[in-house]
Amino acid sequence: MKQTNAETVETAGERIDERLLVSEITGGDKELFRIFVQRYEQKVFALGVSFFHNADDAADFTQDVFLKAFHSLKGFEGRSRFSTWLFKIAYNTAINAVNRKKEYRSLAEEDASAVERTEQNVMYKLTQNAVRTAVENLPAKYRVCVDLFFFYGRSYKEIEVITGFPVNTVKSHVFRAKKILRKKLADFQGEI
């Protein structure tokens, strides 16, 4: 049985093949693009937060990504899932912006200010800070792969498409990052 890269979108109880949806949009029904926005807006926004550290910049980033995707929609060939294609646009947009600013911040760095200060939560906070610090200190190329793999649930192949790193390089980056994190977190465990 031949496997397809087509994804389906659920709209009002109806499942639509994404390639068909793209065809309808490029054929003139521009309003259908809102289905993609509704489906992926949260994920693109989260990626923006991990790169830009605040909601306003992440919101601008999200809007920019969807505008670029809309204007590039005719270039979507259906060889990958729409979400992978969209994340590639998002990643490249973020990397270009970051290269101008020379910074990157992982989703693991986000503050969890809602945690209460009980003894158990203090331990949680200490552990969270140790993980955050360990991820922060990874080389940028490792952090990006770790974020996409663990925080966004992307496959190695999808990370290859998004970042442009060969799949074996992605695997290597994730493996090396886990090895570094394991060592740093073992040191932390010895401290508590």
Foldseek 3Di string as FASTA:
>chain_A
DDDFQWDWAADPNDTHTVVVLLVVCVVPPVVSLVSVCVVCVVVLLLQQCQFPVDNVRSNVLSVVLSVVCSVCSVVDPRRHYPVLVSLLSSLVSSVVVCVVVVDGGASLQDDPVVQDPDPVSVVVVLLSVLLRVLLRPQPPVLNVLCRCCPVVVDDLVSVCSNVVDPSVVSVVSPVVSVVSSVVSVVVVVVVD
